[in-house]
Amino acid sequence: MRSRFSAYCIKNEAHLLRSWAPSTRPSQVSFSKTQKWLDLEIRSTFRGGLLDQTGSVEFIASFEMAASESGSRSEAAIHELSSFERHEGRWVYVDGVHNPDC
């Protein structure tokens, strides 16, 4: 989870695609030029241990968006419960459910 957040911060599409389950992986990842990722808070984890094949992570990722014309910035966050699975011995992101109340 942390490596994927870092990949979004530095716009590392290759890592994001590599760490995405083949069954749900998009063909490419789009990045916003006006978005800056700020912080990742891991709220909880379920399973995902050494002997597990699946796991989940609840997190809040905060970011800043720049208004295109005014230059002002506003903060927002994504609150998600992400599902992961082992694929060829590595953990990969499968999908996530967003909490719109964040």
C-alpha atoms as a PDB file:
ATOM      1  CA  MET A   1       0.000   0.000   0.000  1.00  0.00           C
ATOM      2  CA  ARG A   2       2.731   2.442   0.933  1.00  0.00           C
ATOM      3  CA  SER A   3       4.721   1.732  -2.213  1.00  0.00           C
ATOM      4  CA  ARG A   4       1.630   2.390  -4.357  1.00  0.00           C
ATOM      5  CA  PHE A   5       1.021   5.697  -2.560  1.00  0.00           C
ATOM      6  CA  SER A   6       4.646   6.664  -3.162  1.00  0.00           C
ATOM      7  CA  ALA A   7       4.271   5.690  -6.822  1.00  0.00           C
ATOM      8  CA  TYR A   8       1.305   8.033  -7.150  1.00  0.00           C
ATOM      9  CA  CYS A   9       3.367  10.799  -5.495  1.00  0.00           C
ATOM     10  CA  ILE A  10       6.176  10.517  -8.039  1.00  0.00           C
ATOM     11  CA  LYS A  11       3.931   9.470 -10.945  1.00  0.00           C
ATOM     12  CA  ASN A  12       5.569   6.052 -11.350  1.00  0.00           C
ATOM     13  CA  GLU A  13       3.141   4.361 -13.721  1.00  0.00           C
ATOM     14  CA  ALA A  14       5.332   1.284 -14.188  1.00  0.00           C
ATOM     15  CA  HIS A  15       5.240   0.419 -10.474  1.00  0.00           C
ATOM     16  CA  LEU A  16       1.505   1.002 -10.241  1.00  0.00           C
ATOM     17  CA  LEU A  17       0.809  -1.309 -13.172  1.00  0.00           C
ATOM     18  CA  ARG A  18       3.269  -3.922 -11.873  1.00  0.00           C
ATOM     19  CA  SER A  19       1.560  -3.902  -8.448  1.00  0.00           C
ATOM     20  CA  TRP A  20      -1.976  -4.178  -9.893  1.00  0.00           C
ATOM     21  CA  ALA A  21      -3.754  -7.536 -10.253  1.00  0.00           C
ATOM     22  CA  PRO A  22      -3.871  -8.610 -13.908  1.00  0.00           C
ATOM     23  CA  SER A  23      -7.631  -9.210 -13.617  1.00  0.00           C
ATOM     24  CA  THR A  24      -8.367  -5.540 -12.797  1.00  0.00           C
ATOM     25  CA  ARG A  25      -5.291  -3.707 -14.146  1.00  0.00           C
ATOM     26  CA  PRO A  26      -5.982  -0.817 -16.526  1.00  0.00           C
ATOM     27  CA  SER A  27      -3.879  -0.392 -19.651  1.00  0.00           C
ATOM     28  CA  GLN A  28      -2.457   2.870 -18.301  1.00  0.00           C
ATOM     29  CA  VAL A  29      -2.616   5.158 -15.272  1.00  0.00           C
ATOM     30  CA  SER A  30      -3.562   8.810 -15.655  1.00  0.00           C
ATOM     31  CA  PHE A  31      -2.047  11.461 -13.424  1.00  0.00           C
ATOM     32  CA  SER A  32      -3.371  14.950 -12.774  1.00  0.00           C
ATOM     33  CA  LYS A  33      -0.870  17.760 -13.281  1.00  0.00           C
ATOM     34  CA  THR A  34      -2.654  19.835 -10.633  1.00  0.00           C
ATOM     35  CA  GLN A  35      -2.773  17.138  -7.934  1.00  0.00           C
ATOM     36  CA  LYS A  36      -0.119  16.766  -5.237  1.00  0.00           C
ATOM     37  CA  TRP A  37      -0.331  13.814  -2.836  1.00  0.00           C
ATOM     38  CA  LEU A  38       0.361  14.830   0.770  1.00  0.00           C
ATOM     39  CA  ASP A  39      -0.141  12.039   3.291  1.00  0.00           C
ATOM     40  CA  LEU A  40      -1.163   8.424   3.736  1.00  0.00           C
ATOM     41  CA  GLU A  41      -2.850   7.238   6.921  1.00  0.00           C
ATOM     42  CA  ILE A  42      -3.345   3.486   7.269  1.00  0.00           C
ATOM     43  CA  ARG A  43      -6.500   3.045   9.358  1.00  0.00           C
ATOM     44  CA  SER A  44      -6.639  -0.740   9.545  1.00  0.00           C
ATOM     45  CA  THR A  45      -5.558  -3.970   7.899  1.00  0.00           C
ATOM     46  CA  PHE A  46      -7.269  -7.324   7.688  1.00  0.00           C
ATOM     47  CA  ARG A  47      -5.366 -10.488   6.881  1.00  0.00           C
ATOM     48  CA  GLY A  48      -2.483 -10.045   4.466  1.00  0.00           C
ATOM     49  CA  GLY A  49      -0.065 -11.950   6.633  1.00  0.00           C
ATOM     50  CA  LEU A  50       2.725 -14.309   5.660  1.00  0.00           C
ATOM     51  CA  LEU A  51       0.423 -17.289   5.055  1.00  0.00           C
ATOM     52  CA  ASP A  52      -2.570 -15.375   3.646  1.00  0.00           C
ATOM     53  CA  GLN A  53      -3.524 -15.152  -0.031  1.00  0.00           C
ATOM     54  CA  THR A  54      -5.769 -12.085   0.376  1.00  0.00           C
ATOM     55  CA  GLY A  55      -5.872  -9.006   2.534  1.00  0.00           C
ATOM     56  CA  SER A  56      -7.345  -5.556   2.782  1.00  0.00           C
ATOM     57  CA  VAL A  57      -6.173  -2.109   3.855  1.00  0.00           C
ATOM     58  CA  GLU A  58      -8.350   0.791   4.952  1.00  0.00           C
ATOM     59  CA  PHE A  59      -6.596   4.091   4.344  1.00  0.00           C
ATOM     60  CA  ILE A  60      -7.034   7.826   3.931  1.00  0.00           C
ATOM     61  CA  ALA A  61      -4.827   9.527   1.349  1.00  0.00           C
ATOM     62  CA  SER A  62      -4.851  13.313   1.386  1.00  0.00           C
ATOM     63  CA  PHE A  63      -3.967  15.500  -1.553  1.00  0.00           C
ATOM     64  CA  GLU A  64      -3.960  19.064  -2.760  1.00  0.00           C
ATOM     65  CA  MET A  65      -5.470  20.303  -6.009  1.00  0.00           C
ATOM     66  CA  ALA A  66      -4.523  23.536  -7.723  1.00  0.00           C
ATOM     67  CA  ALA A  67      -7.225  25.565  -9.398  1.00  0.00           C
ATOM     68  CA  SER A  68      -6.163  25.868 -13.024  1.00  0.00           C
ATOM     69  CA  GLU A  69      -6.711  29.594 -13.419  1.00  0.00           C
ATOM     70  CA  SER A  70      -6.477  31.168  -9.973  1.00  0.00           C
ATOM     71  CA  GLY A  71      -3.499  29.194  -8.672  1.00  0.00           C
ATOM     72  CA  SER A  72      -5.267  28.621  -5.343  1.00  0.00           C
ATOM     73  CA  ARG A  73      -5.058  25.162  -3.807  1.00  0.00           C
ATOM     74  CA  SER A  74      -7.633  23.093  -1.963  1.00  0.00           C
ATOM     75  CA  GLU A  75      -7.141  19.958   0.097  1.00  0.00           C
ATOM     76  CA  ALA A  76      -9.196  16.783  -0.134  1.00  0.00           C
ATOM     77  CA  ALA A  77      -8.838  13.110   0.725  1.00  0.00           C
ATOM     78  CA  ILE A  78      -9.707   9.648  -0.499  1.00  0.00           C
ATOM     79  CA  HIS A  79     -10.945   7.145   2.081  1.00  0.00           C
ATOM     80  CA  GLU A  80     -10.824   3.615   0.664  1.00  0.00           C
ATOM     81  CA  LEU A  81     -10.925  -0.015   1.654  1.00  0.00           C
ATOM     82  CA  SER A  82      -8.531  -1.705  -0.788  1.00  0.00           C
ATOM     83  CA  SER A  83      -8.385  -5.412  -1.572  1.00  0.00           C
ATOM     84  CA  PHE A  84      -5.083  -7.148  -2.277  1.00  0.00           C
ATOM     85  CA  GLU A  85      -4.139 -10.671  -3.308  1.00  0.00           C
ATOM     86  CA  ARG A  86      -0.982 -12.635  -3.855  1.00  0.00           C
ATOM     87  CA  HIS A  87      -0.059 -13.049  -7.493  1.00  0.00           C
ATOM     88  CA  GLU A  88       3.094 -14.960  -8.402  1.00  0.00           C
ATOM     89  CA  GLY A  89       4.328 -14.538  -4.834  1.00  0.00           C
ATOM     90  CA  ARG A  90       3.800 -10.745  -4.622  1.00  0.00           C
ATOM     91  CA  TRP A  91       0.995  -8.636  -3.192  1.00  0.00           C
ATOM     92  CA  VAL A  92      -1.027  -6.817  -5.849  1.00  0.00           C
ATOM     93  CA  TYR A  93      -3.911  -4.358  -5.669  1.00  0.00           C
ATOM     94  CA  VAL A  94      -7.252  -5.805  -6.825  1.00  0.00           C
ATOM     95  CA  ASP A  95      -9.828  -3.068  -6.242  1.00  0.00           C
ATOM     96  CA  GLY A  96     -11.205  -0.674  -3.681  1.00  0.00           C
ATOM     97  CA  VAL A  97     -14.406   0.681  -2.226  1.00  0.00           C
ATOM     98  CA  HIS A  98     -14.474   4.434  -1.594  1.00  0.00           C
ATOM     99  CA  ASN A  99     -16.095   6.015   1.436  1.00  0.00           C
ATOM    100  CA  PRO A 100     -17.719   9.222   0.089  1.00  0.00           C
ATOM    101  CA  ASP A 101     -17.966  10.771   3.578  1.00  0.00           C
ATOM    102  CA  CYS A 102     -14.264  11.574   3.713  1.00  0.00           C
END
